[in-house]
Amino acid sequence: MTVGVLRSAPRAAFPPPDGRPCLVEVGPLALESGAVLPGVRLAVQCWGRPSALRDNVVLVLHALTGDAHVAGPAGPGQPTPGWWDGVVGEGRAVDTGRWCVLAANVL
C-alpha cells in the first residue's frame, strides 16, 4: 500500500526534546483503496534538539511489534522501558548532545 500526501503547510514544531510522548494530529488520511481514516493521530517522541537547519535529525521507525518509545524508563502511559535505551542518549552511540532523535509510530 502506498499513500501520497502533498501539503503546503508551515514548518511543524518538534516535540519536546526530553522524550515526553506526544500526539501529532494528522487529520483524515485517504488510502489507496479510497477509504478514509478520520482523525489520524501519530505518536512521536524526541530526544535532543534539532539544529537551525534541521540537518541533525535521525528518524527512527520501529518494527511492527514496537512503539515510538525508543529511550527512557517505563512510566505513566508507558509500561516498558525504551527498546533502544542503550543506544540513544547523551554520550551513547546516537548521542543526543549532537543528534536530534525523532521516533514515530508507523501507520
PDB file of N, CA and C in Angstrom:
ATOM      1  N   MET A   1       0.841  -1.168   0.000  1.00  0.00           N
ATOM      2  CA  MET A   1       0.000   0.000   0.000  1.00  0.00           C
ATOM      3  C   MET A   1       0.890   1.235   0.000  1.00  0.00           C
ATOM      4  N   THR A   2       0.554   2.196  -0.803  1.00  0.00           N
ATOM      5  CA  THR A   2       1.266   3.470  -0.808  1.00  0.00           C
ATOM      6  C   THR A   2       0.283   4.591  -0.542  1.00  0.00           C
ATOM      7  N   VAL A   3       0.770   5.597   0.121  1.00  0.00           N
ATOM      8  CA  VAL A   3      -0.047   6.768   0.418  1.00  0.00           C
ATOM      9  C   VAL A   3       0.773   7.985   0.043  1.00  0.00           C
ATOM     10  N   GLY A   4       0.200   8.867  -0.708  1.00  0.00           N
ATOM     11  CA  GLY A   4       0.889  10.099  -1.064  1.00  0.00           C
ATOM     12  C   GLY A   4       0.121  11.291  -0.539  1.00  0.00           C
ATOM     13  N   VAL A   5       0.793  12.153   0.154  1.00  0.00           N
ATOM     14  CA  VAL A   5       0.149  13.349   0.692  1.00  0.00           C
ATOM     15  C   VAL A   5       1.033  14.543   0.375  1.00  0.00           C
ATOM     16  N   LEU A   6       0.471  15.525  -0.270  1.00  0.00           N
ATOM     17  CA  LEU A   6       1.184  16.770  -0.522  1.00  0.00           C
ATOM     18  C   LEU A   6       0.444  17.870   0.209  1.00  0.00           C
ATOM     19  N   ARG A   7       1.142  18.562   1.071  1.00  0.00           N
ATOM     20  CA  ARG A   7       0.511  19.645   1.810  1.00  0.00           C
ATOM     21  C   ARG A   7       1.419  20.853   1.784  1.00  0.00           C
ATOM     22  N   SER A   8       0.806  21.981   1.704  1.00  0.00           N
ATOM     23  CA  SER A   8       1.546  23.223   1.835  1.00  0.00           C
ATOM     24  C   SER A   8       1.216  23.760   3.213  1.00  0.00           C
ATOM     25  N   ALA A   9       2.139  23.600   4.115  1.00  0.00           N
ATOM     26  CA  ALA A   9       1.883  23.984   5.499  1.00  0.00           C
ATOM     27  C   ALA A   9       3.133  24.607   6.090  1.00  0.00           C
ATOM     28  N   PRO A  10       2.964  25.379   7.146  1.00  0.00           N
ATOM     29  CA  PRO A  10       4.136  25.928   7.808  1.00  0.00           C
ATOM     30  C   PRO A  10       4.969  24.807   8.422  1.00  0.00           C
ATOM     31  N   ARG A  11       6.218  25.088   8.656  1.00  0.00           N
ATOM     32  CA  ARG A  11       7.124  24.122   9.253  1.00  0.00           C
ATOM     33  C   ARG A  11       6.578  23.680  10.606  1.00  0.00           C
ATOM     34  N   ALA A  12       6.499  22.386  10.799  1.00  0.00           N
ATOM     35  CA  ALA A  12       5.938  21.841  12.037  1.00  0.00           C
ATOM     36  C   ALA A  12       6.906  22.017  13.201  1.00  0.00           C
ATOM     37  N   ALA A  13       6.341  22.200  14.364  1.00  0.00           N
ATOM     38  CA  ALA A  13       7.145  22.285  15.583  1.00  0.00           C
ATOM     39  C   ALA A  13       7.573  20.882  15.993  1.00  0.00           C
ATOM     40  N   PHE A  14       8.741  20.775  16.585  1.00  0.00           N
ATOM     41  CA  PHE A  14       9.205  19.492  17.080  1.00  0.00           C
ATOM     42  C   PHE A  14       8.625  19.239  18.463  1.00  0.00           C
ATOM     43  N   PRO A  15       8.465  17.967  18.832  1.00  0.00           N
ATOM     44  CA  PRO A  15       8.036  17.646  20.190  1.00  0.00           C
ATOM     45  C   PRO A  15       9.110  18.091  21.186  1.00  0.00           C
ATOM     46  N   PRO A  16       8.806  18.110  22.478  1.00  0.00           N
ATOM     47  CA  PRO A  16       9.812  18.488  23.473  1.00  0.00           C
ATOM     48  C   PRO A  16      11.042  17.584  23.367  1.00  0.00           C
ATOM     49  N   PRO A  17      12.250  18.106  23.634  1.00  0.00           N
ATOM     50  CA  PRO A  17      13.483  17.341  23.435  1.00  0.00           C
ATOM     51  C   PRO A  17      13.804  16.344  24.544  1.00  0.00           C
ATOM     52  N   ASP A  18      12.896  16.146  25.480  1.00  0.00           N
ATOM     53  CA  ASP A  18      13.183  15.291  26.631  1.00  0.00           C
ATOM     54  C   ASP A  18      12.543  13.908  26.551  1.00  0.00           C
ATOM     55  N   GLY A  19      12.000  13.539  25.401  1.00  0.00           N
ATOM     56  CA  GLY A  19      11.432  12.209  25.226  1.00  0.00           C
ATOM     57  C   GLY A  19       9.999  12.052  25.686  1.00  0.00           C
ATOM     58  N   ARG A  20       9.366  13.147  26.101  1.00  0.00           N
ATOM     59  CA  ARG A  20       7.957  13.056  26.509  1.00  0.00           C
ATOM     60  C   ARG A  20       7.096  12.611  25.332  1.00  0.00           C
ATOM     61  N   PRO A  21       6.213  11.636  25.534  1.00  0.00           N
ATOM     62  CA  PRO A  21       5.324  11.211  24.448  1.00  0.00           C
ATOM     63  C   PRO A  21       4.371  12.334  24.046  1.00  0.00           C
ATOM     64  N   CYS A  22       4.170  12.480  22.754  1.00  0.00           N
ATOM     65  CA  CYS A  22       3.256  13.494  22.218  1.00  0.00           C
ATOM     66  C   CYS A  22       2.428  12.863  21.108  1.00  0.00           C
ATOM     67  N   LEU A  23       1.318  13.484  20.815  1.00  0.00           N
ATOM     68  CA  LEU A  23       0.496  13.074  19.683  1.00  0.00           C
ATOM     69  C   LEU A  23       0.454  14.206  18.673  1.00  0.00           C
ATOM     70  N   VAL A  24       0.657  13.867  17.411  1.00  0.00           N
ATOM     71  CA  VAL A  24       0.570  14.830  16.319  1.00  0.00           C
ATOM     72  C   VAL A  24      -0.727  14.543  15.572  1.00  0.00           C
ATOM     73  N   GLU A  25      -1.546  15.563  15.422  1.00  0.00           N
ATOM     74  CA  GLU A  25      -2.806  15.415  14.692  1.00  0.00           C
ATOM     75  C   GLU A  25      -2.514  15.447  13.190  1.00  0.00           C
ATOM     76  N   VAL A  26      -2.723  14.336  12.524  1.00  0.00           N
ATOM     77  CA  VAL A  26      -2.513  14.246  11.082  1.00  0.00           C
ATOM     78  C   VAL A  26      -3.789  14.647  10.351  1.00  0.00           C
ATOM     79  N   GLY A  27      -4.935  14.320  10.939  1.00  0.00           N
ATOM     80  CA  GLY A  27      -6.221  14.596  10.302  1.00  0.00           C
ATOM     81  C   GLY A  27      -6.671  13.409   9.483  1.00  0.00           C
ATOM     82  N   PRO A  28      -7.604  13.602   8.556  1.00  0.00           N
ATOM     83  CA  PRO A  28      -8.075  12.485   7.741  1.00  0.00           C
ATOM     84  C   PRO A  28      -6.977  12.019   6.780  1.00  0.00           C
ATOM     85  N   LEU A  29      -6.903  10.719   6.600  1.00  0.00           N
ATOM     86  CA  LEU A  29      -5.881  10.143   5.731  1.00  0.00           C
ATOM     87  C   LEU A  29      -6.567   9.277   4.684  1.00  0.00           C
ATOM     88  N   ALA A  30      -6.469   9.679   3.411  1.00  0.00           N
ATOM     89  CA  ALA A  30      -7.062   8.922   2.306  1.00  0.00           C
ATOM     90  C   ALA A  30      -6.131   7.784   1.919  1.00  0.00           C
ATOM     91  N   LEU A  31      -6.677   6.594   1.826  1.00  0.00           N
ATOM     92  CA  LEU A  31      -5.904   5.415   1.454  1.00  0.00           C
ATOM     93  C   LEU A  31      -6.040   5.133  -0.034  1.00  0.00           C
ATOM     94  N   GLU A  32      -5.153   4.313  -0.544  1.00  0.00           N
ATOM     95  CA  GLU A  32      -5.170   3.931  -1.951  1.00  0.00           C
ATOM     96  C   GLU A  32      -6.497   3.283  -2.346  1.00  0.00           C
ATOM     97  N   SER A  33      -7.110   2.589  -1.414  1.00  0.00           N
ATOM     98  CA  SER A  33      -8.379   1.904  -1.674  1.00  0.00           C
ATOM     99  C   SER A  33      -9.545   2.871  -1.827  1.00  0.00           C
ATOM    100  N   GLY A  34      -9.337   4.122  -1.451  1.00  0.00           N
ATOM    101  CA  GLY A  34     -10.407   5.106  -1.464  1.00  0.00           C
ATOM    102  C   GLY A  34     -11.017   5.321  -0.093  1.00  0.00           C
ATOM    103  N   ALA A  35     -10.744   4.405   0.830  1.00  0.00           N
ATOM    104  CA  ALA A  35     -11.232   4.574   2.204  1.00  0.00           C
ATOM    105  C   ALA A  35     -10.480   5.726   2.865  1.00  0.00           C
ATOM    106  N   VAL A  36     -11.120   6.334   3.831  1.00  0.00           N
ATOM    107  CA  VAL A  36     -10.503   7.445   4.554  1.00  0.00           C
ATOM    108  C   VAL A  36     -10.483   7.110   6.038  1.00  0.00           C
ATOM    109  N   LEU A  37      -9.303   7.237   6.638  1.00  0.00           N
ATOM    110  CA  LEU A  37      -9.190   7.094   8.086  1.00  0.00           C
ATOM    111  C   LEU A  37      -9.379   8.483   8.687  1.00  0.00           C
ATOM    112  N   PRO A  38     -10.428   8.687   9.480  1.00  0.00           N
ATOM    113  CA  PRO A  38     -10.665  10.021  10.046  1.00  0.00           C
ATOM    114  C   PRO A  38      -9.819  10.243  11.299  1.00  0.00           C
ATOM    115  N   GLY A  39      -9.452  11.468  11.545  1.00  0.00           N
ATOM    116  CA  GLY A  39      -8.803  11.837  12.806  1.00  0.00           C
ATOM    117  C   GLY A  39      -7.553  11.051  13.145  1.00  0.00           C
ATOM    118  N   VAL A  40      -6.656  10.859  12.193  1.00  0.00           N
ATOM    119  CA  VAL A  40      -5.430  10.098  12.441  1.00  0.00           C
ATOM    120  C   VAL A  40      -4.503  10.905  13.352  1.00  0.00           C
ATOM    121  N   ARG A  41      -3.990  10.222  14.372  1.00  0.00           N
ATOM    122  CA  ARG A  41      -3.002  10.814  15.271  1.00  0.00           C
ATOM    123  C   ARG A  41      -1.765   9.928  15.260  1.00  0.00           C
ATOM    124  N   LEU A  42      -0.610  10.542  15.321  1.00  0.00           N
ATOM    125  CA  LEU A  42       0.658   9.832  15.278  1.00  0.00           C
ATOM    126  C   LEU A  42       1.392  10.071  16.589  1.00  0.00           C
ATOM    127  N   ALA A  43       1.793   8.986  17.264  1.00  0.00           N
ATOM    128  CA  ALA A  43       2.575   9.110  18.497  1.00  0.00           C
ATOM    129  C   ALA A  43       4.024   9.391  18.125  1.00  0.00           C
ATOM    130  N   VAL A  44       4.616  10.404  18.744  1.00  0.00           N
ATOM    131  CA  VAL A  44       6.010  10.764  18.479  1.00  0.00           C
ATOM    132  C   VAL A  44       6.727  11.060  19.790  1.00  0.00           C
ATOM    133  N   GLN A  45       8.035  10.864  19.761  1.00  0.00           N
ATOM    134  CA  GLN A  45       8.900  11.249  20.866  1.00  0.00           C
ATOM    135  C   GLN A  45      10.185  11.804  20.274  1.00  0.00           C
ATOM    136  N   CYS A  46      10.825  12.697  21.009  1.00  0.00           N
ATOM    137  CA  CYS A  46      12.029  13.362  20.519  1.00  0.00           C
ATOM    138  C   CYS A  46      13.042  13.467  21.652  1.00  0.00           C
ATOM    139  N   TRP A  47      14.305  13.219  21.331  1.00  0.00           N
ATOM    140  CA  TRP A  47      15.401  13.370  22.284  1.00  0.00           C
ATOM    141  C   TRP A  47      16.460  14.230  21.618  1.00  0.00           C
ATOM    142  N   GLY A  48      16.869  15.294  22.271  1.00  0.00           N
ATOM    143  CA  GLY A  48      17.832  16.229  21.695  1.00  0.00           C
ATOM    144  C   GLY A  48      17.122  17.319  20.923  1.00  0.00           C
ATOM    145  N   ARG A  49      17.884  18.307  20.504  1.00  0.00           N
ATOM    146  CA  ARG A  49      17.305  19.468  19.816  1.00  0.00           C
ATOM    147  C   ARG A  49      17.734  19.508  18.349  1.00  0.00           C
ATOM    148  N   PRO A  50      16.794  19.827  17.457  1.00  0.00           N
ATOM    149  CA  PRO A  50      17.181  19.970  16.051  1.00  0.00           C
ATOM    150  C   PRO A  50      18.009  21.232  15.855  1.00  0.00           C
ATOM    151  N   SER A  51      18.950  21.175  14.928  1.00  0.00           N
ATOM    152  CA  SER A  51      19.734  22.366  14.585  1.00  0.00           C
ATOM    153  C   SER A  51      18.841  23.340  13.820  1.00  0.00           C
ATOM    154  N   ALA A  52      19.322  24.546  13.631  1.00  0.00           N
ATOM    155  CA  ALA A  52      18.554  25.554  12.888  1.00  0.00           C
ATOM    156  C   ALA A  52      18.218  25.069  11.478  1.00  0.00           C
ATOM    157  N   LEU A  53      19.120  24.319  10.868  1.00  0.00           N
ATOM    158  CA  LEU A  53      18.888  23.783   9.520  1.00  0.00           C
ATOM    159  C   LEU A  53      18.173  22.434   9.537  1.00  0.00           C
ATOM    160  N   ARG A  54      17.983  21.898  10.734  1.00  0.00           N
ATOM    161  CA  ARG A  54      17.370  20.578  10.920  1.00  0.00           C
ATOM    162  C   ARG A  54      18.135  19.490  10.165  1.00  0.00           C
ATOM    163  N   ASP A  55      19.446  19.633  10.123  1.00  0.00           N
ATOM    164  CA  ASP A  55      20.275  18.657   9.421  1.00  0.00           C
ATOM    165  C   ASP A  55      20.911  17.638  10.365  1.00  0.00           C
ATOM    166  N   ASN A  56      20.474  17.616  11.619  1.00  0.00           N
ATOM    167  CA  ASN A  56      20.999  16.658  12.582  1.00  0.00           C
ATOM    168  C   ASN A  56      19.919  15.698  13.087  1.00  0.00           C
ATOM    169  N   VAL A  57      18.813  15.603  12.365  1.00  0.00           N
ATOM    170  CA  VAL A  57      17.687  14.785  12.816  1.00  0.00           C
ATOM    171  C   VAL A  57      17.854  13.342  12.340  1.00  0.00           C
ATOM    172  N   VAL A  58      17.716  12.414  13.279  1.00  0.00           N
ATOM    173  CA  VAL A  58      17.753  10.986  12.984  1.00  0.00           C
ATOM    174  C   VAL A  58      16.339  10.457  13.190  1.00  0.00           C
ATOM    175  N   LEU A  59      15.714   9.966  12.135  1.00  0.00           N
ATOM    176  CA  LEU A  59      14.365   9.418  12.223  1.00  0.00           C
ATOM    177  C   LEU A  59      14.455   7.930  12.526  1.00  0.00           C
ATOM    178  N   VAL A  60      13.817   7.508  13.604  1.00  0.00           N
ATOM    179  CA  VAL A  60      13.818   6.102  13.999  1.00  0.00           C
ATOM    180  C   VAL A  60      12.393   5.578  13.902  1.00  0.00           C
ATOM    181  N   LEU A  61      12.206   4.555  13.094  1.00  0.00           N
ATOM    182  CA  LEU A  61      10.906   3.898  12.965  1.00  0.00           C
ATOM    183  C   LEU A  61      11.030   2.491  13.536  1.00  0.00           C
ATOM    184  N   HIS A  62       9.989   2.030  14.162  1.00  0.00           N
ATOM    185  CA  HIS A  62      10.044   0.746  14.854  1.00  0.00           C
ATOM    186  C   HIS A  62       9.503  -0.388  13.996  1.00  0.00           C
ATOM    187  N   ALA A  63       9.774  -1.598  14.468  1.00  0.00           N
ATOM    188  CA  ALA A  63       9.197  -2.787  13.837  1.00  0.00           C
ATOM    189  C   ALA A  63       7.722  -2.877  14.227  1.00  0.00           C
ATOM    190  N   LEU A  64       7.012  -3.764  13.627  1.00  0.00           N
ATOM    191  CA  LEU A  64       5.576  -3.879  13.897  1.00  0.00           C
ATOM    192  C   LEU A  64       5.264  -4.219  15.347  1.00  0.00           C
ATOM    193  N   THR A  65       6.217  -4.784  16.065  1.00  0.00           N
ATOM    194  CA  THR A  65       5.971  -5.153  17.455  1.00  0.00           C
ATOM    195  C   THR A  65       6.426  -4.088  18.436  1.00  0.00           C
ATOM    196  N   GLY A  66       6.982  -2.990  17.957  1.00  0.00           N
ATOM    197  CA  GLY A  66       7.496  -1.953  18.835  1.00  0.00           C
ATOM    198  C   GLY A  66       6.553  -0.784  18.970  1.00  0.00           C
ATOM    199  N   ASP A  67       7.104   0.308  19.454  1.00  0.00           N
ATOM    200  CA  ASP A  67       6.359   1.556  19.562  1.00  0.00           C
ATOM    201  C   ASP A  67       7.346   2.709  19.447  1.00  0.00           C
ATOM    202  N   ALA A  68       6.885   3.921  19.654  1.00  0.00           N
ATOM    203  CA  ALA A  68       7.744   5.097  19.495  1.00  0.00           C
ATOM    204  C   ALA A  68       8.650   5.334  20.690  1.00  0.00           C
ATOM    205  N   HIS A  69       8.544   4.515  21.726  1.00  0.00           N
ATOM    206  CA  HIS A  69       9.341   4.720  22.945  1.00  0.00           C
ATOM    207  C   HIS A  69      10.729   4.104  22.769  1.00  0.00           C
ATOM    208  N   VAL A  70      11.622   4.860  22.165  1.00  0.00           N
ATOM    209  CA  VAL A  70      12.964   4.386  21.836  1.00  0.00           C
ATOM    210  C   VAL A  70      13.881   4.370  23.053  1.00  0.00           C
ATOM    211  N   ALA A  71      13.817   5.405  23.877  1.00  0.00           N
ATOM    212  CA  ALA A  71      14.739   5.524  25.008  1.00  0.00           C
ATOM    213  C   ALA A  71      14.008   6.052  26.234  1.00  0.00           C
ATOM    214  N   GLY A  72      14.526   5.682  27.389  1.00  0.00           N
ATOM    215  CA  GLY A  72      13.966   6.176  28.640  1.00  0.00           C
ATOM    216  C   GLY A  72      13.267   5.084  29.424  1.00  0.00           C
ATOM    217  N   PRO A  73      12.929   5.402  30.666  1.00  0.00           N
ATOM    218  CA  PRO A  73      12.324   4.403  31.548  1.00  0.00           C
ATOM    219  C   PRO A  73      10.839   4.192  31.265  1.00  0.00           C
ATOM    220  N   ALA A  74      10.314   3.133  31.836  1.00  0.00           N
ATOM    221  CA  ALA A  74       8.864   2.933  31.845  1.00  0.00           C
ATOM    222  C   ALA A  74       8.266   3.993  32.758  1.00  0.00           C
ATOM    223  N   GLY A  75       7.015   4.309  32.551  1.00  0.00           N
ATOM    224  CA  GLY A  75       6.363   5.310  33.387  1.00  0.00           C
ATOM    225  C   GLY A  75       4.888   5.370  33.081  1.00  0.00           C
ATOM    226  N   PRO A  76       4.217   6.400  33.577  1.00  0.00           N
ATOM    227  CA  PRO A  76       2.778   6.525  33.319  1.00  0.00           C
ATOM    228  C   PRO A  76       2.482   6.532  31.816  1.00  0.00           C
ATOM    229  N   GLY A  77       1.620   5.664  31.392  1.00  0.00           N
ATOM    230  CA  GLY A  77       1.267   5.579  29.979  1.00  0.00           C
ATOM    231  C   GLY A  77       2.293   4.848  29.137  1.00  0.00           C
ATOM    232  N   GLN A  78       3.395   4.409  29.753  1.00  0.00           N
ATOM    233  CA  GLN A  78       4.445   3.685  29.029  1.00  0.00           C
ATOM    234  C   GLN A  78       4.918   2.531  29.905  1.00  0.00           C
ATOM    235  N   PRO A  79       4.360   1.333  29.714  1.00  0.00           N
ATOM    236  CA  PRO A  79       4.652   0.224  30.621  1.00  0.00           C
ATOM    237  C   PRO A  79       6.030  -0.418  30.459  1.00  0.00           C
ATOM    238  N   THR A  80       6.741  -0.110  29.384  1.00  0.00           N
ATOM    239  CA  THR A  80       8.040  -0.746  29.145  1.00  0.00           C
ATOM    240  C   THR A  80       9.125   0.308  28.945  1.00  0.00           C
ATOM    241  N   PRO A  81      10.378  -0.030  29.286  1.00  0.00           N
ATOM    242  CA  PRO A  81      11.470   0.905  29.005  1.00  0.00           C
ATOM    243  C   PRO A  81      11.726   0.996  27.506  1.00  0.00           C
ATOM    244  N   GLY A  82      12.473   2.016  27.110  1.00  0.00           N
ATOM    245  CA  GLY A  82      12.805   2.195  25.701  1.00  0.00           C
ATOM    246  C   GLY A  82      13.521   0.982  25.135  1.00  0.00           C
ATOM    247  N   TRP A  83      13.150   0.583  23.934  1.00  0.00           N
ATOM    248  CA  TRP A  83      13.708  -0.629  23.342  1.00  0.00           C
ATOM    249  C   TRP A  83      15.098  -0.422  22.756  1.00  0.00           C
ATOM    250  N   TRP A  84      15.556   0.821  22.672  1.00  0.00           N
ATOM    251  CA  TRP A  84      16.902   1.127  22.172  1.00  0.00           C
ATOM    252  C   TRP A  84      17.632   1.991  23.188  1.00  0.00           C
ATOM    253  N   ASP A  85      17.290   1.819  24.456  1.00  0.00           N
ATOM    254  CA  ASP A  85      17.785   2.675  25.529  1.00  0.00           C
ATOM    255  C   ASP A  85      19.311   2.693  25.625  1.00  0.00           C
ATOM    256  N   GLY A  86      19.959   1.588  25.335  1.00  0.00           N
ATOM    257  CA  GLY A  86      21.413   1.535  25.414  1.00  0.00           C
ATOM    258  C   GLY A  86      22.115   2.218  24.252  1.00  0.00           C
ATOM    259  N   VAL A  87      21.374   2.633  23.237  1.00  0.00           N
ATOM    260  CA  VAL A  87      21.959   3.211  22.026  1.00  0.00           C
ATOM    261  C   VAL A  87      21.716   4.716  21.924  1.00  0.00           C
ATOM    262  N   VAL A  88      20.549   5.174  22.380  1.00  0.00           N
ATOM    263  CA  VAL A  88      20.161   6.582  22.234  1.00  0.00           C
ATOM    264  C   VAL A  88      20.290   7.298  23.569  1.00  0.00           C
ATOM    265  N   GLY A  89      21.036   8.391  23.582  1.00  0.00           N
ATOM    266  CA  GLY A  89      21.165   9.193  24.799  1.00  0.00           C
ATOM    267  C   GLY A  89      22.477   9.940  24.834  1.00  0.00           C
ATOM    268  N   GLU A  90      22.608  10.801  25.792  1.00  0.00           N
ATOM    269  CA  GLU A  90      23.818  11.605  25.975  1.00  0.00           C
ATOM    270  C   GLU A  90      25.030  10.679  26.116  1.00  0.00           C
ATOM    271  N   GLY A  91      26.035  10.837  25.229  1.00  0.00           N
ATOM    272  CA  GLY A  91      27.258  10.051  25.276  1.00  0.00           C
ATOM    273  C   GLY A  91      27.147   8.643  24.712  1.00  0.00           C
ATOM    274  N   ARG A  92      26.002   8.255  24.219  1.00  0.00           N
ATOM    275  CA  ARG A  92      25.824   6.914  23.652  1.00  0.00           C
ATOM    276  C   ARG A  92      26.090   6.950  22.147  1.00  0.00           C
ATOM    277  N   ALA A  93      25.908   5.815  21.477  1.00  0.00           N
ATOM    278  CA  ALA A  93      26.205   5.724  20.041  1.00  0.00           C
ATOM    279  C   ALA A  93      25.456   6.786  19.234  1.00  0.00           C
ATOM    280  N   VAL A  94      24.185   6.985  19.522  1.00  0.00           N
ATOM    281  CA  VAL A  94      23.425   8.076  18.908  1.00  0.00           C
ATOM    282  C   VAL A  94      23.310   9.141  19.994  1.00  0.00           C
ATOM    283  N   ASP A  95      24.315  10.002  20.033  1.00  0.00           N
ATOM    284  CA  ASP A  95      24.477  10.993  21.101  1.00  0.00           C
ATOM    285  C   ASP A  95      23.483  12.136  20.930  1.00  0.00           C
ATOM    286  N   THR A  96      22.566  12.256  21.878  1.00  0.00           N
ATOM    287  CA  THR A  96      21.542  13.296  21.787  1.00  0.00           C
ATOM    288  C   THR A  96      22.083  14.684  22.112  1.00  0.00           C
ATOM    289  N   GLY A  97      23.347  14.779  22.476  1.00  0.00           N
ATOM    290  CA  GLY A  97      24.001  16.080  22.570  1.00  0.00           C
ATOM    291  C   GLY A  97      24.357  16.606  21.181  1.00  0.00           C
ATOM    292  N   ARG A  98      24.468  15.702  20.218  1.00  0.00           N
ATOM    293  CA  ARG A  98      24.798  16.069  18.838  1.00  0.00           C
ATOM    294  C   ARG A  98      23.605  15.873  17.900  1.00  0.00           C
ATOM    295  N   TRP A  99      22.892  14.793  18.094  1.00  0.00           N
ATOM    296  CA  TRP A  99      21.802  14.412  17.204  1.00  0.00           C
ATOM    297  C   TRP A  99      20.447  14.641  17.852  1.00  0.00           C
ATOM    298  N   CYS A 100      19.474  14.928  17.033  1.00  0.00           N
ATOM    299  CA  CYS A 100      18.083  15.029  17.466  1.00  0.00           C
ATOM    300  C   CYS A 100      17.386  13.768  16.961  1.00  0.00           C
ATOM    301  N   VAL A 101      16.970  12.923  17.881  1.00  0.00           N
ATOM    302  CA  VAL A 101      16.339  11.655  17.522  1.00  0.00           C
ATOM    303  C   VAL A 101      14.830  11.832  17.565  1.00  0.00           C
ATOM    304  N   LEU A 102      14.181  11.563  16.464  1.00  0.00           N
ATOM    305  CA  LEU A 102      12.733  11.676  16.349  1.00  0.00           C
ATOM    306  C   LEU A 102      12.185  10.287  16.053  1.00  0.00           C
ATOM    307  N   ALA A 103      11.319   9.803  16.930  1.00  0.00           N
ATOM    308  CA  ALA A 103      10.725   8.478  16.754  1.00  0.00           C
ATOM    309  C   ALA A 103       9.224   8.626  16.607  1.00  0.00           C
ATOM    310  N   ALA A 104       8.654   7.857  15.710  1.00  0.00           N
ATOM    311  CA  ALA A 104       7.213   7.917  15.472  1.00  0.00           C
ATOM    312  C   ALA A 104       6.667   6.513  15.304  1.00  0.00           C
ATOM    313  N   ASN A 105       5.422   6.342  15.698  1.00  0.00           N
ATOM    314  CA  ASN A 105       4.746   5.089  15.397  1.00  0.00           C
ATOM    315  C   ASN A 105       4.522   5.016  13.897  1.00  0.00           C
ATOM    316  N   VAL A 106       4.422   3.807  13.387  1.00  0.00           N
ATOM    317  CA  VAL A 106       4.139   3.646  11.965  1.00  0.00           C
ATOM    318  C   VAL A 106       2.635   3.535  11.771  1.00  0.00           C
ATOM    319  N   LEU A 107       2.166   3.963  10.617  1.00  0.00           N
ATOM    320  CA  LEU A 107       0.733   3.876  10.315  1.00  0.00           C
ATOM    321  C   LEU A 107       0.458   2.618   9.533  1.00  0.00           C
TER     322      LEU A 107
END
